[in-house]
Amino acid sequence: MPREMKSLEYFLAHFLELPKELVMGLPRITVLGDIQMIVENHRGIIEYTTERVRIGTGIGELRVTGSGLTLRTIFPEEIAVDGKIRSIDLASEK
């Protein structure tokens, strides 16, 4: 996305007092300690094992590694991952 378009989206979100993650297509990631992660505004599951979960987002791929990982919920607007989370990495699209 061109830089001018991102600036315009940011301005509109701020001016209209709208959530930036919705206007700009950004994921909202909530982490509860090392036992749970909730991702809103996602683009689906890319890979799922008990040791790794890869989730598509509007800005790249979110990679979660750990042990005993389970997908507690999968909805069009939200994914919840439970288990022992060791790392969370975002590989941004260029």
PDB file of N, CA and C in Angstrom:
ATOM      1  N   MET A   1       0.848  -1.175   0.000  1.00  0.00           N
ATOM      2  CA  MET A   1       0.000   0.000   0.000  1.00  0.00           C
ATOM      3  C   MET A   1       0.890   1.232   0.000  1.00  0.00           C
ATOM      4  N   PRO A   2       0.594   2.207  -0.861  1.00  0.00           N
ATOM      5  CA  PRO A   2       1.409   3.421  -0.916  1.00  0.00           C
ATOM      6  C   PRO A   2       1.397   4.174   0.414  1.00  0.00           C
ATOM      7  N   ARG A   3       2.491   4.828   0.690  1.00  0.00           N
ATOM      8  CA  ARG A   3       2.643   5.555   1.948  1.00  0.00           C
ATOM      9  C   ARG A   3       1.580   6.644   2.117  1.00  0.00           C
ATOM     10  N   GLU A   4       1.227   7.328   1.010  1.00  0.00           N
ATOM     11  CA  GLU A   4       0.219   8.388   1.075  1.00  0.00           C
ATOM     12  C   GLU A   4      -1.129   7.837   1.525  1.00  0.00           C
ATOM     13  N   MET A   5      -1.460   6.617   1.051  1.00  0.00           N
ATOM     14  CA  MET A   5      -2.729   5.995   1.407  1.00  0.00           C
ATOM     15  C   MET A   5      -2.759   5.643   2.891  1.00  0.00           C
ATOM     16  N   LYS A   6      -1.641   5.141   3.418  1.00  0.00           N
ATOM     17  CA  LYS A   6      -1.566   4.818   4.843  1.00  0.00           C
ATOM     18  C   LYS A   6      -1.715   6.079   5.683  1.00  0.00           C
ATOM     19  N   SER A   7      -1.083   7.174   5.251  1.00  0.00           N
ATOM     20  CA  SER A   7      -1.194   8.436   5.982  1.00  0.00           C
ATOM     21  C   SER A   7      -2.629   8.940   5.972  1.00  0.00           C
ATOM     22  N   LEU A   8      -3.308   8.809   4.843  1.00  0.00           N
ATOM     23  CA  LEU A   8      -4.696   9.228   4.741  1.00  0.00           C
ATOM     24  C   LEU A   8      -5.581   8.382   5.649  1.00  0.00           C
ATOM     25  N   GLU A   9      -5.352   7.075   5.647  1.00  0.00           N
ATOM     26  CA  GLU A   9      -6.131   6.195   6.522  1.00  0.00           C
ATOM     27  C   GLU A   9      -5.907   6.541   7.986  1.00  0.00           C
ATOM     28  N   TYR A  10      -4.655   6.791   8.357  1.00  0.00           N
ATOM     29  CA  TYR A  10      -4.338   7.151   9.732  1.00  0.00           C
ATOM     30  C   TYR A  10      -5.047   8.457  10.112  1.00  0.00           C
ATOM     31  N   PHE A  11      -4.988   9.454   9.213  1.00  0.00           N
ATOM     32  CA  PHE A  11      -5.634  10.738   9.466  1.00  0.00           C
ATOM     33  C   PHE A  11      -7.144  10.568   9.646  1.00  0.00           C
ATOM     34  N   LEU A  12      -7.775   9.812   8.740  1.00  0.00           N
ATOM     35  CA  LEU A  12      -9.220   9.600   8.838  1.00  0.00           C
ATOM     36  C   LEU A  12      -9.601   8.874  10.119  1.00  0.00           C
ATOM     37  N   ALA A  13      -8.839   7.863  10.481  1.00  0.00           N
ATOM     38  CA  ALA A  13      -9.125   7.126  11.711  1.00  0.00           C
ATOM     39  C   ALA A  13      -9.040   8.061  12.917  1.00  0.00           C
ATOM     40  N   HIS A  14      -8.006   8.900  12.934  1.00  0.00           N
ATOM     41  CA  HIS A  14      -7.837   9.840  14.048  1.00  0.00           C
ATOM     42  C   HIS A  14      -8.930  10.903  14.043  1.00  0.00           C
ATOM     43  N   PHE A  15      -9.198  11.482  12.875  1.00  0.00           N
ATOM     44  CA  PHE A  15     -10.191  12.553  12.755  1.00  0.00           C
ATOM     45  C   PHE A  15     -11.591  12.072  13.098  1.00  0.00           C
ATOM     46  N   LEU A  16     -11.954  10.885  12.618  1.00  0.00           N
ATOM     47  CA  LEU A  16     -13.296  10.348  12.854  1.00  0.00           C
ATOM     48  C   LEU A  16     -13.396   9.537  14.143  1.00  0.00           C
ATOM     49  N   GLU A  17     -12.281   9.455  14.873  1.00  0.00           N
ATOM     50  CA  GLU A  17     -12.205   8.715  16.128  1.00  0.00           C
ATOM     51  C   GLU A  17     -12.637   7.257  15.961  1.00  0.00           C
ATOM     52  N   LEU A  18     -12.127   6.635  14.899  1.00  0.00           N
ATOM     53  CA  LEU A  18     -12.382   5.227  14.628  1.00  0.00           C
ATOM     54  C   LEU A  18     -11.166   4.407  15.044  1.00  0.00           C
ATOM     55  N   PRO A  19     -11.370   3.141  15.387  1.00  0.00           N
ATOM     56  CA  PRO A  19     -10.215   2.294  15.731  1.00  0.00           C
ATOM     57  C   PRO A  19      -9.260   2.171  14.546  1.00  0.00           C
ATOM     58  N   LYS A  20      -7.992   2.495  14.760  1.00  0.00           N
ATOM     59  CA  LYS A  20      -7.005   2.475  13.683  1.00  0.00           C
ATOM     60  C   LYS A  20      -6.820   1.086  13.095  1.00  0.00           C
ATOM     61  N   GLU A  21      -6.919   0.050  13.943  1.00  0.00           N
ATOM     62  CA  GLU A  21      -6.719  -1.303  13.429  1.00  0.00           C
ATOM     63  C   GLU A  21      -7.783  -1.691  12.405  1.00  0.00           C
ATOM     64  N   LEU A  22      -8.983  -1.188  12.560  1.00  0.00           N
ATOM     65  CA  LEU A  22     -10.039  -1.499  11.597  1.00  0.00           C
ATOM     66  C   LEU A  22      -9.879  -0.715  10.308  1.00  0.00           C
ATOM     67  N   VAL A  23      -9.603   0.565  10.418  1.00  0.00           N
ATOM     68  CA  VAL A  23      -9.472   1.415   9.243  1.00  0.00           C
ATOM     69  C   VAL A  23      -8.238   1.044   8.425  1.00  0.00           C
ATOM     70  N   MET A  24      -7.151   0.699   9.109  1.00  0.00           N
ATOM     71  CA  MET A  24      -5.891   0.436   8.425  1.00  0.00           C
ATOM     72  C   MET A  24      -5.638  -1.047   8.177  1.00  0.00           C
ATOM     73  N   GLY A  25      -6.563  -1.922   8.572  1.00  0.00           N
ATOM     74  CA  GLY A  25      -6.402  -3.352   8.348  1.00  0.00           C
ATOM     75  C   GLY A  25      -5.336  -3.986   9.218  1.00  0.00           C
ATOM     76  N   LEU A  26      -5.094  -3.424  10.392  1.00  0.00           N
ATOM     77  CA  LEU A  26      -4.068  -3.930  11.295  1.00  0.00           C
ATOM     78  C   LEU A  26      -4.650  -4.976  12.243  1.00  0.00           C
ATOM     79  N   PRO A  27      -3.856  -5.971  12.631  1.00  0.00           N
ATOM     80  CA  PRO A  27      -4.342  -6.938  13.613  1.00  0.00           C
ATOM     81  C   PRO A  27      -4.293  -6.342  15.016  1.00  0.00           C
ATOM     82  N   ARG A  28      -5.202  -6.783  15.863  1.00  0.00           N
ATOM     83  CA  ARG A  28      -5.152  -6.433  17.285  1.00  0.00           C
ATOM     84  C   ARG A  28      -4.769  -7.717  17.998  1.00  0.00           C
ATOM     85  N   ILE A  29      -3.640  -7.698  18.691  1.00  0.00           N
ATOM     86  CA  ILE A  29      -3.112  -8.887  19.348  1.00  0.00           C
ATOM     87  C   ILE A  29      -3.125  -8.654  20.853  1.00  0.00           C
ATOM     88  N   THR A  30      -3.818  -9.526  21.568  1.00  0.00           N
ATOM     89  CA  THR A  30      -3.892  -9.458  23.021  1.00  0.00           C
ATOM     90  C   THR A  30      -3.229 -10.703  23.584  1.00  0.00           C
ATOM     91  N   VAL A  31      -2.278 -10.505  24.504  1.00  0.00           N
ATOM     92  CA  VAL A  31      -1.557 -11.627  25.099  1.00  0.00           C
ATOM     93  C   VAL A  31      -1.808 -11.628  26.597  1.00  0.00           C
ATOM     94  N   LEU A  32      -2.191 -12.793  27.118  1.00  0.00           N
ATOM     95  CA  LEU A  32      -2.412 -12.969  28.544  1.00  0.00           C
ATOM     96  C   LEU A  32      -1.281 -13.839  29.083  1.00  0.00           C
ATOM     97  N   GLY A  33      -0.270 -13.180  29.659  1.00  0.00           N
ATOM     98  CA  GLY A  33       0.889 -13.905  30.179  1.00  0.00           C
ATOM     99  C   GLY A  33       1.537 -14.738  29.095  1.00  0.00           C
ATOM    100  N   ASP A  34       1.827 -16.000  29.424  1.00  0.00           N
ATOM    101  CA  ASP A  34       2.387 -16.918  28.438  1.00  0.00           C
ATOM    102  C   ASP A  34       1.445 -18.093  28.190  1.00  0.00           C
ATOM    103  N   ILE A  35       0.131 -17.849  28.451  1.00  0.00           N
ATOM    104  CA  ILE A  35      -0.832 -18.952  28.316  1.00  0.00           C
ATOM    105  C   ILE A  35      -1.916 -18.723  27.271  1.00  0.00           C
ATOM    106  N   GLN A  36      -2.080 -17.500  26.787  1.00  0.00           N
ATOM    107  CA  GLN A  36      -3.157 -17.253  25.825  1.00  0.00           C
ATOM    108  C   GLN A  36      -2.850 -16.040  24.951  1.00  0.00           C
ATOM    109  N   MET A  37      -3.278 -16.122  23.690  1.00  0.00           N
ATOM    110  CA  MET A  37      -3.152 -15.017  22.759  1.00  0.00           C
ATOM    111  C   MET A  37      -4.433 -14.943  21.929  1.00  0.00           C
ATOM    112  N   ILE A  38      -4.943 -13.736  21.751  1.00  0.00           N
ATOM    113  CA  ILE A  38      -6.134 -13.517  20.932  1.00  0.00           C
ATOM    114  C   ILE A  38      -5.754 -12.572  19.804  1.00  0.00           C
ATOM    115  N   VAL A  39      -6.080 -12.969  18.580  1.00  0.00           N
ATOM    116  CA  VAL A  39      -5.783 -12.153  17.405  1.00  0.00           C
ATOM    117  C   VAL A  39      -7.095 -11.763  16.750  1.00  0.00           C
ATOM    118  N   GLU A  40      -7.339 -10.465  16.664  1.00  0.00           N
ATOM    119  CA  GLU A  40      -8.520  -9.958  15.974  1.00  0.00           C
ATOM    120  C   GLU A  40      -8.078  -9.370  14.638  1.00  0.00           C
ATOM    121  N   ASN A  41      -8.993  -9.325  13.703  1.00  0.00           N
ATOM    122  CA  ASN A  41      -8.732  -8.772  12.373  1.00  0.00           C
ATOM    123  C   ASN A  41      -7.639  -9.571  11.654  1.00  0.00           C
ATOM    124  N   HIS A  42      -7.807 -10.876  11.600  1.00  0.00           N
ATOM    125  CA  HIS A  42      -6.831 -11.781  10.986  1.00  0.00           C
ATOM    126  C   HIS A  42      -7.283 -12.177   9.583  1.00  0.00           C
ATOM    127  N   ARG A  43      -6.424 -12.909   8.891  1.00  0.00           N
ATOM    128  CA  ARG A  43      -6.747 -13.395   7.542  1.00  0.00           C
ATOM    129  C   ARG A  43      -6.691 -14.915   7.451  1.00  0.00           C
ATOM    130  N   GLY A  44      -6.746 -15.591   8.576  1.00  0.00           N
ATOM    131  CA  GLY A  44      -6.835 -17.041   8.571  1.00  0.00           C
ATOM    132  C   GLY A  44      -5.605 -17.759   9.072  1.00  0.00           C
ATOM    133  N   ILE A  45      -5.782 -19.056   9.299  1.00  0.00           N
ATOM    134  CA  ILE A  45      -4.715 -19.932   9.781  1.00  0.00           C
ATOM    135  C   ILE A  45      -3.886 -20.408   8.585  1.00  0.00           C
ATOM    136  N   ILE A  46      -2.574 -20.288   8.679  1.00  0.00           N
ATOM    137  CA  ILE A  46      -1.662 -20.774   7.645  1.00  0.00           C
ATOM    138  C   ILE A  46      -1.153 -22.159   8.020  1.00  0.00           C
ATOM    139  N   GLU A  47      -0.798 -22.330   9.295  1.00  0.00           N
ATOM    140  CA  GLU A  47      -0.281 -23.613   9.788  1.00  0.00           C
ATOM    141  C   GLU A  47      -0.683 -23.774  11.238  1.00  0.00           C
ATOM    142  N   TYR A  48      -0.985 -25.020  11.619  1.00  0.00           N
ATOM    143  CA  TYR A  48      -1.324 -25.288  13.015  1.00  0.00           C
ATOM    144  C   TYR A  48      -0.785 -26.638  13.442  1.00  0.00           C
ATOM    145  N   THR A  49       0.072 -26.637  14.463  1.00  0.00           N
ATOM    146  CA  THR A  49       0.511 -27.840  15.151  1.00  0.00           C
ATOM    147  C   THR A  49       0.477 -27.510  16.645  1.00  0.00           C
ATOM    148  N   THR A  50       0.744 -28.498  17.485  1.00  0.00           N
ATOM    149  CA  THR A  50       0.750 -28.234  18.928  1.00  0.00           C
ATOM    150  C   THR A  50       1.978 -27.430  19.351  1.00  0.00           C
ATOM    151  N   GLU A  51       2.936 -27.236  18.430  1.00  0.00           N
ATOM    152  CA  GLU A  51       4.140 -26.467  18.746  1.00  0.00           C
ATOM    153  C   GLU A  51       4.276 -25.170  17.959  1.00  0.00           C
ATOM    154  N   ARG A  52       3.450 -24.987  16.915  1.00  0.00           N
ATOM    155  CA  ARG A  52       3.548 -23.769  16.105  1.00  0.00           C
ATOM    156  C   ARG A  52       2.193 -23.437  15.491  1.00  0.00           C
ATOM    157  N   VAL A  53       1.865 -22.139  15.525  1.00  0.00           N
ATOM    158  CA  VAL A  53       0.667 -21.632  14.856  1.00  0.00           C
ATOM    159  C   VAL A  53       1.100 -20.442  14.023  1.00  0.00           C
ATOM    160  N   ARG A  54       0.729 -20.442  12.743  1.00  0.00           N
ATOM    161  CA  ARG A  54       1.004 -19.318  11.854  1.00  0.00           C
ATOM    162  C   ARG A  54      -0.331 -18.737  11.407  1.00  0.00           C
ATOM    163  N   ILE A  55      -0.474 -17.427  11.573  1.00  0.00           N
ATOM    164  CA  ILE A  55      -1.735 -16.737  11.285  1.00  0.00           C
ATOM    165  C   ILE A  55      -1.451 -15.597  10.310  1.00  0.00           C
ATOM    166  N   GLY A  56      -2.248 -15.498   9.254  1.00  0.00           N
ATOM    167  CA  GLY A  56      -2.119 -14.403   8.306  1.00  0.00           C
ATOM    168  C   GLY A  56      -2.766 -13.142   8.853  1.00  0.00           C
ATOM    169  N   THR A  57      -2.103 -12.004   8.622  1.00  0.00           N
ATOM    170  CA  THR A  57      -2.668 -10.708   9.014  1.00  0.00           C
ATOM    171  C   THR A  57      -2.500  -9.743   7.849  1.00  0.00           C
ATOM    172  N   GLY A  58      -3.075  -8.572   7.974  1.00  0.00           N
ATOM    173  CA  GLY A  58      -2.968  -7.569   6.926  1.00  0.00           C
ATOM    174  C   GLY A  58      -1.571  -7.005   6.750  1.00  0.00           C
ATOM    175  N   ILE A  59      -0.684  -7.235   7.708  1.00  0.00           N
ATOM    176  CA  ILE A  59       0.669  -6.695   7.617  1.00  0.00           C
ATOM    177  C   ILE A  59       1.737  -7.780   7.580  1.00  0.00           C
ATOM    178  N   GLY A  60       1.336  -9.022   7.507  1.00  0.00           N
ATOM    179  CA  GLY A  60       2.307 -10.111   7.434  1.00  0.00           C
ATOM    180  C   GLY A  60       1.824 -11.356   8.146  1.00  0.00           C
ATOM    181  N   GLU A  61       2.773 -12.202   8.473  1.00  0.00           N
ATOM    182  CA  GLU A  61       2.480 -13.488   9.097  1.00  0.00           C
ATOM    183  C   GLU A  61       2.864 -13.465  10.570  1.00  0.00           C
ATOM    184  N   LEU A  62       1.924 -13.835  11.426  1.00  0.00           N
ATOM    185  CA  LEU A  62       2.154 -13.916  12.856  1.00  0.00           C
ATOM    186  C   LEU A  62       2.503 -15.361  13.194  1.00  0.00           C
ATOM    187  N   ARG A  63       3.673 -15.571  13.821  1.00  0.00           N
ATOM    188  CA  ARG A  63       4.134 -16.917  14.159  1.00  0.00           C
ATOM    189  C   ARG A  63       4.188 -17.063  15.669  1.00  0.00           C
ATOM    190  N   VAL A  64       3.514 -18.084  16.174  1.00  0.00           N
ATOM    191  CA  VAL A  64       3.496 -18.368  17.602  1.00  0.00           C
ATOM    192  C   VAL A  64       4.120 -19.731  17.804  1.00  0.00           C
ATOM    193  N   THR A  65       5.103 -19.824  18.706  1.00  0.00           N
ATOM    194  CA  THR A  65       5.700 -21.120  19.020  1.00  0.00           C
ATOM    195  C   THR A  65       5.531 -21.384  20.503  1.00  0.00           C
ATOM    196  N   GLY A  66       5.452 -22.659  20.840  1.00  0.00           N
ATOM    197  CA  GLY A  66       5.285 -23.044  22.229  1.00  0.00           C
ATOM    198  C   GLY A  66       5.063 -24.533  22.340  1.00  0.00           C
ATOM    199  N   SER A  67       4.357 -24.941  23.385  1.00  0.00           N
ATOM    200  CA  SER A  67       4.040 -26.351  23.567  1.00  0.00           C
ATOM    201  C   SER A  67       2.579 -26.473  24.006  1.00  0.00           C
ATOM    202  N   GLY A  68       1.963 -27.543  23.564  1.00  0.00           N
ATOM    203  CA  GLY A  68       0.555 -27.770  23.898  1.00  0.00           C
ATOM    204  C   GLY A  68      -0.374 -26.705  23.353  1.00  0.00           C
ATOM    205  N   LEU A  69      -0.027 -26.113  22.215  1.00  0.00           N
ATOM    206  CA  LEU A  69      -0.852 -25.046  21.647  1.00  0.00           C
ATOM    207  C   LEU A  69      -2.147 -25.620  21.085  1.00  0.00           C
ATOM    208  N   THR A  70      -3.236 -24.980  21.403  1.00  0.00           N
ATOM    209  CA  THR A  70      -4.546 -25.362  20.869  1.00  0.00           C
ATOM    210  C   THR A  70      -5.260 -24.110  20.384  1.00  0.00           C
ATOM    211  N   LEU A  71      -6.110 -24.287  19.401  1.00  0.00           N
ATOM    212  CA  LEU A  71      -6.942 -23.184  18.915  1.00  0.00           C
ATOM    213  C   LEU A  71      -8.263 -23.264  19.670  1.00  0.00           C
ATOM    214  N   ARG A  72      -8.434 -22.384  20.632  1.00  0.00           N
ATOM    215  CA  ARG A  72      -9.631 -22.401  21.465  1.00  0.00           C
ATOM    216  C   ARG A  72     -10.843 -21.918  20.677  1.00  0.00           C
ATOM    217  N   THR A  73     -10.653 -20.833  19.919  1.00  0.00           N
ATOM    218  CA  THR A  73     -11.746 -20.332  19.076  1.00  0.00           C
ATOM    219  C   THR A  73     -11.191 -19.906  17.734  1.00  0.00           C
ATOM    220  N   ILE A  74     -11.989 -20.129  16.703  1.00  0.00           N
ATOM    221  CA  ILE A  74     -11.670 -19.637  15.364  1.00  0.00           C
ATOM    222  C   ILE A  74     -12.958 -19.045  14.806  1.00  0.00           C
ATOM    223  N   PHE A  75     -13.005 -17.737  14.781  1.00  0.00           N
ATOM    224  CA  PHE A  75     -14.137 -17.010  14.217  1.00  0.00           C
ATOM    225  C   PHE A  75     -13.610 -16.116  13.102  1.00  0.00           C
ATOM    226  N   PRO A  76     -14.478 -15.644  12.219  1.00  0.00           N
ATOM    227  CA  PRO A  76     -14.007 -14.739  11.160  1.00  0.00           C
ATOM    228  C   PRO A  76     -13.316 -13.490  11.707  1.00  0.00           C
ATOM    229  N   GLU A  77     -13.696 -13.045  12.903  1.00  0.00           N
ATOM    230  CA  GLU A  77     -13.103 -11.833  13.443  1.00  0.00           C
ATOM    231  C   GLU A  77     -12.060 -12.087  14.538  1.00  0.00           C
ATOM    232  N   GLU A  78     -11.914 -13.351  14.997  1.00  0.00           N
ATOM    233  CA  GLU A  78     -11.034 -13.606  16.135  1.00  0.00           C
ATOM    234  C   GLU A  78     -10.517 -15.042  16.160  1.00  0.00           C
ATOM    235  N   ILE A  79      -9.258 -15.181  16.564  1.00  0.00           N
ATOM    236  CA  ILE A  79      -8.649 -16.496  16.801  1.00  0.00           C
ATOM    237  C   ILE A  79      -8.022 -16.444  18.189  1.00  0.00           C
ATOM    238  N   ALA A  80      -8.283 -17.466  19.006  1.00  0.00           N
ATOM    239  CA  ALA A  80      -7.667 -17.561  20.331  1.00  0.00           C
ATOM    240  C   ALA A  80      -6.782 -18.794  20.383  1.00  0.00           C
ATOM    241  N   VAL A  81      -5.538 -18.594  20.820  1.00  0.00           N
ATOM    242  CA  VAL A  81      -4.566 -19.675  20.949  1.00  0.00           C
ATOM    243  C   VAL A  81      -4.255 -19.852  22.432  1.00  0.00           C
ATOM    244  N   ASP A  82      -4.415 -21.078  22.933  1.00  0.00           N
ATOM    245  CA  ASP A  82      -4.084 -21.406  24.318  1.00  0.00           C
ATOM    246  C   ASP A  82      -2.894 -22.353  24.344  1.00  0.00           C
ATOM    247  N   GLY A  83      -2.189 -22.394  25.460  1.00  0.00           N
ATOM    248  CA  GLY A  83      -1.060 -23.290  25.647  1.00  0.00           C
ATOM    249  C   GLY A  83       0.111 -22.542  26.257  1.00  0.00           C
ATOM    250  N   LYS A  84       1.250 -23.168  26.289  1.00  0.00           N
ATOM    251  CA  LYS A  84       2.473 -22.543  26.815  1.00  0.00           C
ATOM    252  C   LYS A  84       3.160 -21.817  25.655  1.00  0.00           C
ATOM    253  N   ILE A  85       3.022 -20.494  25.606  1.00  0.00           N
ATOM    254  CA  ILE A  85       3.574 -19.687  24.514  1.00  0.00           C
ATOM    255  C   ILE A  85       5.009 -19.300  24.847  1.00  0.00           C
ATOM    256  N   ARG A  86       5.929 -19.645  23.946  1.00  0.00           N
ATOM    257  CA  ARG A  86       7.341 -19.295  24.115  1.00  0.00           C
ATOM    258  C   ARG A  86       7.718 -18.047  23.355  1.00  0.00           C
ATOM    259  N   SER A  87       7.200 -17.895  22.122  1.00  0.00           N
ATOM    260  CA  SER A  87       7.557 -16.695  21.347  1.00  0.00           C
ATOM    261  C   SER A  87       6.444 -16.322  20.383  1.00  0.00           C
ATOM    262  N   ILE A  88       6.409 -15.034  20.072  1.00  0.00           N
ATOM    263  CA  ILE A  88       5.475 -14.480  19.100  1.00  0.00           C
ATOM    264  C   ILE A  88       6.312 -13.604  18.175  1.00  0.00           C
ATOM    265  N   ASP A  89       6.189 -13.864  16.868  1.00  0.00           N
ATOM    266  CA  ASP A  89       6.993 -13.142  15.890  1.00  0.00           C
ATOM    267  C   ASP A  89       6.089 -12.676  14.762  1.00  0.00           C
ATOM    268  N   LEU A  90       6.313 -11.453  14.288  1.00  0.00           N
ATOM    269  CA  LEU A  90       5.561 -10.928  13.159  1.00  0.00           C
ATOM    270  C   LEU A  90       6.509 -10.697  12.000  1.00  0.00           C
ATOM    271  N   ALA A  91       6.323 -11.472  10.932  1.00  0.00           N
ATOM    272  CA  ALA A  91       7.117 -11.312   9.711  1.00  0.00           C
ATOM    273  C   ALA A  91       6.338 -10.398   8.788  1.00  0.00           C
ATOM    274  N   SER A  92       6.732  -9.134   8.714  1.00  0.00           N
ATOM    275  CA  SER A  92       6.004  -8.140   7.936  1.00  0.00           C
ATOM    276  C   SER A  92       6.155  -8.352   6.450  1.00  0.00           C
ATOM    277  N   GLU A  93       5.082  -8.029   5.712  1.00  0.00           N
ATOM    278  CA  GLU A  93       5.139  -8.045   4.256  1.00  0.00           C
ATOM    279  C   GLU A  93       5.877  -6.799   3.804  1.00  0.00           C
ATOM    280  N   LYS A  94       6.595  -6.925   2.730  1.00  0.00           N
ATOM    281  CA  LYS A  94       7.328  -5.759   2.222  1.00  0.00           C
ATOM    282  C   LYS A  94       6.659  -5.206   1.012  1.00  0.00           C
TER     283      LYS A  94
END
